[in-house]
Amino acid sequence: MTNPLIVGITGGIGSGKTTVCKIFHQLGVPIYFADDRGKYLLSNDELLKNQVMNLFGAESYLPDGLLNRSFLANKVFSNTEELNKLNGLVHPAVAKDFLQWANNQSAKVLIKEAALFIENGSYTGLDKLISVLAPEDVRINRVLMRDIQRNKAQVLDIMSNQVDDKRRREVSDYLIDNGGSKLLIPQVLKIYKELQNTKN
């Protein structure tokens, strides 16, 4: 069997990456949620846990061994340097985990979903990149409705650590408009058909 086509799906917070992935999944495409796996590994991968504690202190974890999310969030979200340090630990662990996952799949196309493909430069290791786009105000409203524990300032803070749609347009192979004015499924189906016909 030829190597599968590794396709990335990215987009800013609230753009609707997960919704797009669900449509691809319904079409039979295996999906690897890099951000979710990163969270899982932070609480379950002993090597990664030790690296985080060495860098940020024992307080990074709760007595039950789970990640102390609020402690770490306060450390990194408004401090780009600290965030980069944390990402520098998490991204290699996720990359290794993804390879193990990919080796167990048999589909022609595999999708890896992540928020920061472009920001960390890892999109260059993908065969194709899809960006999900939506206006900033739409995205803010979606996040505030979805994540009731977040406020607008926190959402804007996260957005400030993400590239803008201009940059996403520059480096993406496909764009999906999820601002609400275009139907989502026909856009996904068109890309799905093209990917199925792409030779790797």
C-alpha atoms as a PDB file:
ATOM      1  CA  MET A   1       0.000   0.000   0.000  1.00  0.00           C
ATOM      2  CA  THR A   2       1.211   3.510  -0.785  1.00  0.00           C
ATOM      3  CA  ASN A   3       1.729   5.953   2.052  1.00  0.00           C
ATOM      4  CA  PRO A   4      -1.457   7.730   3.127  1.00  0.00           C
ATOM      5  CA  LEU A   5      -1.990  11.381   2.295  1.00  0.00           C
ATOM      6  CA  ILE A   6      -1.465  13.359   5.522  1.00  0.00           C
ATOM      7  CA  VAL A   7      -3.843  16.326   5.506  1.00  0.00           C
ATOM      8  CA  GLY A   8      -3.882  19.011   8.183  1.00  0.00           C
ATOM      9  CA  ILE A   9      -6.982  20.927   9.236  1.00  0.00           C
ATOM     10  CA  THR A  10      -6.422  24.184  11.059  1.00  0.00           C
ATOM     11  CA  GLY A  11      -8.118  27.489  11.804  1.00  0.00           C
ATOM     12  CA  GLY A  12      -8.427  30.039  14.547  1.00  0.00           C
ATOM     13  CA  ILE A  13     -10.309  29.359  17.770  1.00  0.00           C
ATOM     14  CA  GLY A  14     -14.045  29.229  17.060  1.00  0.00           C
ATOM     15  CA  SER A  15     -13.613  28.769  13.307  1.00  0.00           C
ATOM     16  CA  GLY A  16     -15.306  25.363  13.326  1.00  0.00           C
ATOM     17  CA  LYS A  17     -12.396  22.964  12.781  1.00  0.00           C
ATOM     18  CA  THR A  18     -14.070  20.233  14.820  1.00  0.00           C
ATOM     19  CA  THR A  19     -17.328  20.502  12.849  1.00  0.00           C
ATOM     20  CA  VAL A  20     -15.423  20.146   9.564  1.00  0.00           C
ATOM     21  CA  CYS A  21     -13.539  17.138  10.970  1.00  0.00           C
ATOM     22  CA  LYS A  22     -16.837  15.484  11.947  1.00  0.00           C
ATOM     23  CA  ILE A  23     -18.031  15.743   8.324  1.00  0.00           C
ATOM     24  CA  PHE A  24     -14.794  14.180   7.055  1.00  0.00           C
ATOM     25  CA  HIS A  25     -15.147  11.464   9.688  1.00  0.00           C
ATOM     26  CA  GLN A  26     -18.665  10.685   8.420  1.00  0.00           C
ATOM     27  CA  LEU A  27     -17.085  10.213   4.994  1.00  0.00           C
ATOM     28  CA  GLY A  28     -14.792   7.556   6.467  1.00  0.00           C
ATOM     29  CA  VAL A  29     -11.621   9.600   6.945  1.00  0.00           C
ATOM     30  CA  PRO A  30      -9.726   8.801  10.200  1.00  0.00           C
ATOM     31  CA  ILE A  31      -9.152  11.953  12.268  1.00  0.00           C
ATOM     32  CA  TYR A  32      -6.345  12.607  14.731  1.00  0.00           C
ATOM     33  CA  PHE A  33      -7.179  15.497  17.078  1.00  0.00           C
ATOM     34  CA  ALA A  34      -3.704  16.774  17.950  1.00  0.00           C
ATOM     35  CA  ASP A  35      -4.842  19.309  20.568  1.00  0.00           C
ATOM     36  CA  ASP A  36      -6.994  16.737  22.397  1.00  0.00           C
ATOM     37  CA  ARG A  37      -4.187  14.176  22.276  1.00  0.00           C
ATOM     38  CA  GLY A  38      -1.794  16.808  23.585  1.00  0.00           C
ATOM     39  CA  LYS A  39      -4.070  17.327  26.606  1.00  0.00           C
ATOM     40  CA  TYR A  40      -4.305  13.560  27.091  1.00  0.00           C
ATOM     41  CA  LEU A  41      -0.529  13.108  26.907  1.00  0.00           C
ATOM     42  CA  LEU A  42       0.039  15.951  29.387  1.00  0.00           C
ATOM     43  CA  SER A  43      -1.844  13.912  31.980  1.00  0.00           C
ATOM     44  CA  ASN A  44      -0.836  10.390  30.918  1.00  0.00           C
ATOM     45  CA  ASP A  45       2.650  10.389  29.370  1.00  0.00           C
ATOM     46  CA  GLU A  46       5.118  10.032  32.268  1.00  0.00           C
ATOM     47  CA  LEU A  47       8.090  11.408  30.325  1.00  0.00           C
ATOM     48  CA  LEU A  48       6.145  14.508  29.264  1.00  0.00           C
ATOM     49  CA  LYS A  49       4.786  15.005  32.792  1.00  0.00           C
ATOM     50  CA  ASN A  50       8.307  14.954  34.232  1.00  0.00           C
ATOM     51  CA  GLN A  51       9.495  17.437  31.602  1.00  0.00           C
ATOM     52  CA  VAL A  52       6.631  19.824  32.439  1.00  0.00           C
ATOM     53  CA  MET A  53       7.298  19.563  36.192  1.00  0.00           C
ATOM     54  CA  ASN A  54      11.011  20.199  35.661  1.00  0.00           C
ATOM     55  CA  LEU A  55      10.193  23.324  33.689  1.00  0.00           C
ATOM     56  CA  PHE A  56       7.198  24.778  35.540  1.00  0.00           C
ATOM     57  CA  GLY A  57       7.350  23.147  38.976  1.00  0.00           C
ATOM     58  CA  ALA A  58       5.494  20.390  40.849  1.00  0.00           C
ATOM     59  CA  GLU A  59       2.400  22.624  41.054  1.00  0.00           C
ATOM     60  CA  SER A  60       1.822  21.861  37.364  1.00  0.00           C
ATOM     61  CA  TYR A  61       0.045  18.701  38.482  1.00  0.00           C
ATOM     62  CA  LEU A  62      -2.729  18.057  40.993  1.00  0.00           C
ATOM     63  CA  PRO A  63      -2.339  15.423  43.751  1.00  0.00           C
ATOM     64  CA  ASP A  64      -4.271  12.909  41.590  1.00  0.00           C
ATOM     65  CA  GLY A  65      -1.660  13.259  38.833  1.00  0.00           C
ATOM     66  CA  LEU A  66      -3.851  15.240  36.443  1.00  0.00           C
ATOM     67  CA  LEU A  67      -2.677  18.465  34.864  1.00  0.00           C
ATOM     68  CA  ASN A  68      -3.290  21.605  36.909  1.00  0.00           C
ATOM     69  CA  ARG A  69      -4.823  23.469  33.963  1.00  0.00           C
ATOM     70  CA  SER A  70      -5.513  26.787  35.688  1.00  0.00           C
ATOM     71  CA  PHE A  71      -1.981  26.960  37.112  1.00  0.00           C
ATOM     72  CA  LEU A  72      -0.380  26.305  33.725  1.00  0.00           C
ATOM     73  CA  ALA A  73      -2.802  28.567  31.852  1.00  0.00           C
ATOM     74  CA  ASN A  74      -1.892  31.462  34.156  1.00  0.00           C
ATOM     75  CA  LYS A  75       1.782  30.734  33.511  1.00  0.00           C
ATOM     76  CA  VAL A  76       1.701  30.563  29.738  1.00  0.00           C
ATOM     77  CA  PHE A  77      -1.249  32.283  28.103  1.00  0.00           C
ATOM     78  CA  SER A  78      -0.113  35.850  28.533  1.00  0.00           C
ATOM     79  CA  ASN A  79       3.583  34.965  28.285  1.00  0.00           C
ATOM     80  CA  THR A  80       4.649  33.977  24.762  1.00  0.00           C
ATOM     81  CA  GLU A  81       8.079  32.798  25.895  1.00  0.00           C
ATOM     82  CA  GLU A  82       6.620  30.397  28.483  1.00  0.00           C
ATOM     83  CA  LEU A  83       3.979  29.211  26.002  1.00  0.00           C
ATOM     84  CA  ASN A  84       6.706  28.425  23.471  1.00  0.00           C
ATOM     85  CA  LYS A  85       8.554  26.407  26.128  1.00  0.00           C
ATOM     86  CA  LEU A  86       5.436  24.358  26.880  1.00  0.00           C
ATOM     87  CA  ASN A  87       4.714  23.835  23.171  1.00  0.00           C
ATOM     88  CA  GLY A  88       8.338  22.778  22.735  1.00  0.00           C
ATOM     89  CA  LEU A  89       7.635  19.849  25.057  1.00  0.00           C
ATOM     90  CA  VAL A  90       4.130  18.967  23.886  1.00  0.00           C
ATOM     91  CA  HIS A  91       4.625  19.106  20.099  1.00  0.00           C
ATOM     92  CA  PRO A  92       7.373  16.424  19.890  1.00  0.00           C
ATOM     93  CA  ALA A  93       5.299  14.140  22.137  1.00  0.00           C
ATOM     94  CA  VAL A  94       2.238  14.646  19.909  1.00  0.00           C
ATOM     95  CA  ALA A  95       4.296  14.114  16.737  1.00  0.00           C
ATOM     96  CA  LYS A  96       5.520  10.744  18.071  1.00  0.00           C
ATOM     97  CA  ASP A  97       1.990   9.779  19.155  1.00  0.00           C
ATOM     98  CA  PHE A  98       0.617  10.728  15.713  1.00  0.00           C
ATOM     99  CA  LEU A  99       3.132   8.512  13.905  1.00  0.00           C
ATOM    100  CA  GLN A 100       2.136   5.543  16.074  1.00  0.00           C
ATOM    101  CA  TRP A 101      -1.551   6.271  15.335  1.00  0.00           C
ATOM    102  CA  ALA A 102      -0.965   6.721  11.581  1.00  0.00           C
ATOM    103  CA  ASN A 103       0.906   3.412  11.341  1.00  0.00           C
ATOM    104  CA  ASN A 104      -2.231   1.648  12.601  1.00  0.00           C
ATOM    105  CA  GLN A 105      -4.552   3.190   9.978  1.00  0.00           C
ATOM    106  CA  SER A 106      -5.332   1.741   6.563  1.00  0.00           C
ATOM    107  CA  ALA A 107      -7.151   4.659   4.892  1.00  0.00           C
ATOM    108  CA  LYS A 108      -5.822   6.495   1.846  1.00  0.00           C
ATOM    109  CA  VAL A 109      -6.297   9.907   3.505  1.00  0.00           C
ATOM    110  CA  LEU A 110      -5.565  10.714   7.156  1.00  0.00           C
ATOM    111  CA  ILE A 111      -6.483  14.011   8.782  1.00  0.00           C
ATOM    112  CA  LYS A 112      -4.559  15.646  11.586  1.00  0.00           C
ATOM    113  CA  GLU A 113      -6.423  18.523  13.254  1.00  0.00           C
ATOM    114  CA  ALA A 114      -4.485  21.172  15.170  1.00  0.00           C
ATOM    115  CA  ALA A 115      -4.789  24.864  15.987  1.00  0.00           C
ATOM    116  CA  LEU A 116      -1.134  25.834  15.557  1.00  0.00           C
ATOM    117  CA  PHE A 117       0.170  24.113  12.408  1.00  0.00           C
ATOM    118  CA  ILE A 118       1.151  27.427  10.833  1.00  0.00           C
ATOM    119  CA  GLU A 119       2.367  29.111  14.016  1.00  0.00           C
ATOM    120  CA  ASN A 120       4.882  26.351  14.812  1.00  0.00           C
ATOM    121  CA  GLY A 121       5.822  25.666  11.188  1.00  0.00           C
ATOM    122  CA  SER A 122       4.797  22.005  11.341  1.00  0.00           C
ATOM    123  CA  TYR A 123       2.414  22.472   8.378  1.00  0.00           C
ATOM    124  CA  THR A 124       5.485  22.026   6.138  1.00  0.00           C
ATOM    125  CA  GLY A 125       5.510  18.339   7.087  1.00  0.00           C
ATOM    126  CA  LEU A 126       1.965  17.795   5.788  1.00  0.00           C
ATOM    127  CA  ASP A 127       0.971  16.740   2.274  1.00  0.00           C
ATOM    128  CA  LYS A 128      -1.955  19.190   2.198  1.00  0.00           C
ATOM    129  CA  LEU A 129      -3.324  21.897   4.510  1.00  0.00           C
ATOM    130  CA  ILE A 130      -6.966  22.924   4.890  1.00  0.00           C
ATOM    131  CA  SER A 131      -7.813  26.136   6.757  1.00  0.00           C
ATOM    132  CA  VAL A 132     -11.279  26.778   8.164  1.00  0.00           C
ATOM    133  CA  LEU A 133     -12.078  30.500   8.084  1.00  0.00           C
ATOM    134  CA  ALA A 134     -14.714  32.652   9.787  1.00  0.00           C
ATOM    135  CA  PRO A 135     -14.897  36.374  10.693  1.00  0.00           C
ATOM    136  CA  GLU A 136     -13.398  37.264  14.057  1.00  0.00           C
ATOM    137  CA  ASP A 137     -16.671  38.476  15.596  1.00  0.00           C
ATOM    138  CA  VAL A 138     -18.417  35.225  14.603  1.00  0.00           C
ATOM    139  CA  ARG A 139     -15.598  33.189  16.136  1.00  0.00           C
ATOM    140  CA  ILE A 140     -15.639  35.188  19.395  1.00  0.00           C
ATOM    141  CA  ASN A 141     -19.405  34.678  19.763  1.00  0.00           C
ATOM    142  CA  ARG A 142     -19.087  30.947  19.089  1.00  0.00           C
ATOM    143  CA  VAL A 143     -16.392  30.509  21.722  1.00  0.00           C
ATOM    144  CA  LEU A 144     -18.268  32.521  24.345  1.00  0.00           C
ATOM    145  CA  MET A 145     -21.397  30.410  23.754  1.00  0.00           C
ATOM    146  CA  ARG A 146     -19.422  27.152  23.781  1.00  0.00           C
ATOM    147  CA  ASP A 147     -16.953  27.811  26.617  1.00  0.00           C
ATOM    148  CA  ILE A 148     -18.950  29.563  29.281  1.00  0.00           C
ATOM    149  CA  GLN A 149     -15.906  29.713  31.580  1.00  0.00           C
ATOM    150  CA  ARG A 150     -14.057  31.972  29.119  1.00  0.00           C
ATOM    151  CA  ASN A 151     -14.511  35.733  28.791  1.00  0.00           C
ATOM    152  CA  LYS A 152     -13.934  37.891  25.730  1.00  0.00           C
ATOM    153  CA  ALA A 153     -10.497  39.071  26.927  1.00  0.00           C
ATOM    154  CA  GLN A 154      -9.312  35.455  27.236  1.00  0.00           C
ATOM    155  CA  VAL A 155     -10.576  34.629  23.736  1.00  0.00           C
ATOM    156  CA  LEU A 156      -8.795  37.672  22.284  1.00  0.00           C
ATOM    157  CA  ASP A 157      -5.650  36.606  24.178  1.00  0.00           C
ATOM    158  CA  ILE A 158      -5.761  33.176  22.513  1.00  0.00           C
ATOM    159  CA  MET A 159      -6.393  34.787  19.117  1.00  0.00           C
ATOM    160  CA  SER A 160      -3.343  37.006  19.576  1.00  0.00           C
ATOM    161  CA  ASN A 161      -1.184  33.851  19.711  1.00  0.00           C
ATOM    162  CA  GLN A 162      -2.652  32.585  16.419  1.00  0.00           C
ATOM    163  CA  VAL A 163      -1.867  33.740  12.877  1.00  0.00           C
ATOM    164  CA  ASP A 164      -4.492  35.743  10.992  1.00  0.00           C
ATOM    165  CA  ASP A 165      -6.582  34.536   8.069  1.00  0.00           C
ATOM    166  CA  LYS A 166      -4.348  36.394   5.600  1.00  0.00           C
ATOM    167  CA  ARG A 167      -1.456  34.110   6.583  1.00  0.00           C
ATOM    168  CA  ARG A 168      -3.730  31.041   6.521  1.00  0.00           C
ATOM    169  CA  ARG A 169      -4.769  31.894   2.945  1.00  0.00           C
ATOM    170  CA  GLU A 170      -1.121  32.199   1.901  1.00  0.00           C
ATOM    171  CA  VAL A 171      -0.024  28.731   2.997  1.00  0.00           C
ATOM    172  CA  SER A 172      -3.183  26.587   2.670  1.00  0.00           C
ATOM    173  CA  ASP A 173      -4.018  24.233  -0.182  1.00  0.00           C
ATOM    174  CA  TYR A 174      -7.751  24.475   0.555  1.00  0.00           C
ATOM    175  CA  LEU A 175      -9.958  27.041   2.295  1.00  0.00           C
ATOM    176  CA  ILE A 176     -13.327  26.365   3.900  1.00  0.00           C
ATOM    177  CA  ASP A 177     -15.626  29.329   4.543  1.00  0.00           C
ATOM    178  CA  ASN A 178     -17.461  28.661   7.805  1.00  0.00           C
ATOM    179  CA  GLY A 179     -18.681  32.198   8.429  1.00  0.00           C
ATOM    180  CA  GLY A 180     -22.304  31.166   8.012  1.00  0.00           C
ATOM    181  CA  SER A 181     -22.990  32.460   4.496  1.00  0.00           C
ATOM    182  CA  LYS A 182     -21.944  29.259   2.663  1.00  0.00           C
ATOM    183  CA  LEU A 183     -23.080  25.669   3.186  1.00  0.00           C
ATOM    184  CA  LEU A 184     -20.356  23.617   4.831  1.00  0.00           C
ATOM    185  CA  ILE A 185     -21.025  20.083   3.539  1.00  0.00           C
ATOM    186  CA  PRO A 186     -20.673  20.853  -0.213  1.00  0.00           C
ATOM    187  CA  GLN A 187     -17.320  22.561   0.470  1.00  0.00           C
ATOM    188  CA  VAL A 188     -16.066  19.536   2.419  1.00  0.00           C
ATOM    189  CA  LEU A 189     -17.341  17.067  -0.198  1.00  0.00           C
ATOM    190  CA  LYS A 190     -15.520  18.917  -2.989  1.00  0.00           C
ATOM    191  CA  ILE A 191     -12.215  18.779  -1.062  1.00  0.00           C
ATOM    192  CA  TYR A 192     -12.814  15.141  -0.054  1.00  0.00           C
ATOM    193  CA  LYS A 193     -13.212  14.127  -3.716  1.00  0.00           C
ATOM    194  CA  GLU A 194     -10.060  15.985  -4.721  1.00  0.00           C
ATOM    195  CA  LEU A 195      -8.056  14.397  -1.901  1.00  0.00           C
ATOM    196  CA  GLN A 196      -9.237  10.922  -2.879  1.00  0.00           C
ATOM    197  CA  ASN A 197      -7.855  11.542  -6.371  1.00  0.00           C
ATOM    198  CA  THR A 198      -4.538  12.974  -5.165  1.00  0.00           C
ATOM    199  CA  LYS A 199      -1.550  10.738  -5.755  1.00  0.00           C
ATOM    200  CA  ASN A 200       0.998  10.696  -2.938  1.00  0.00           C
END
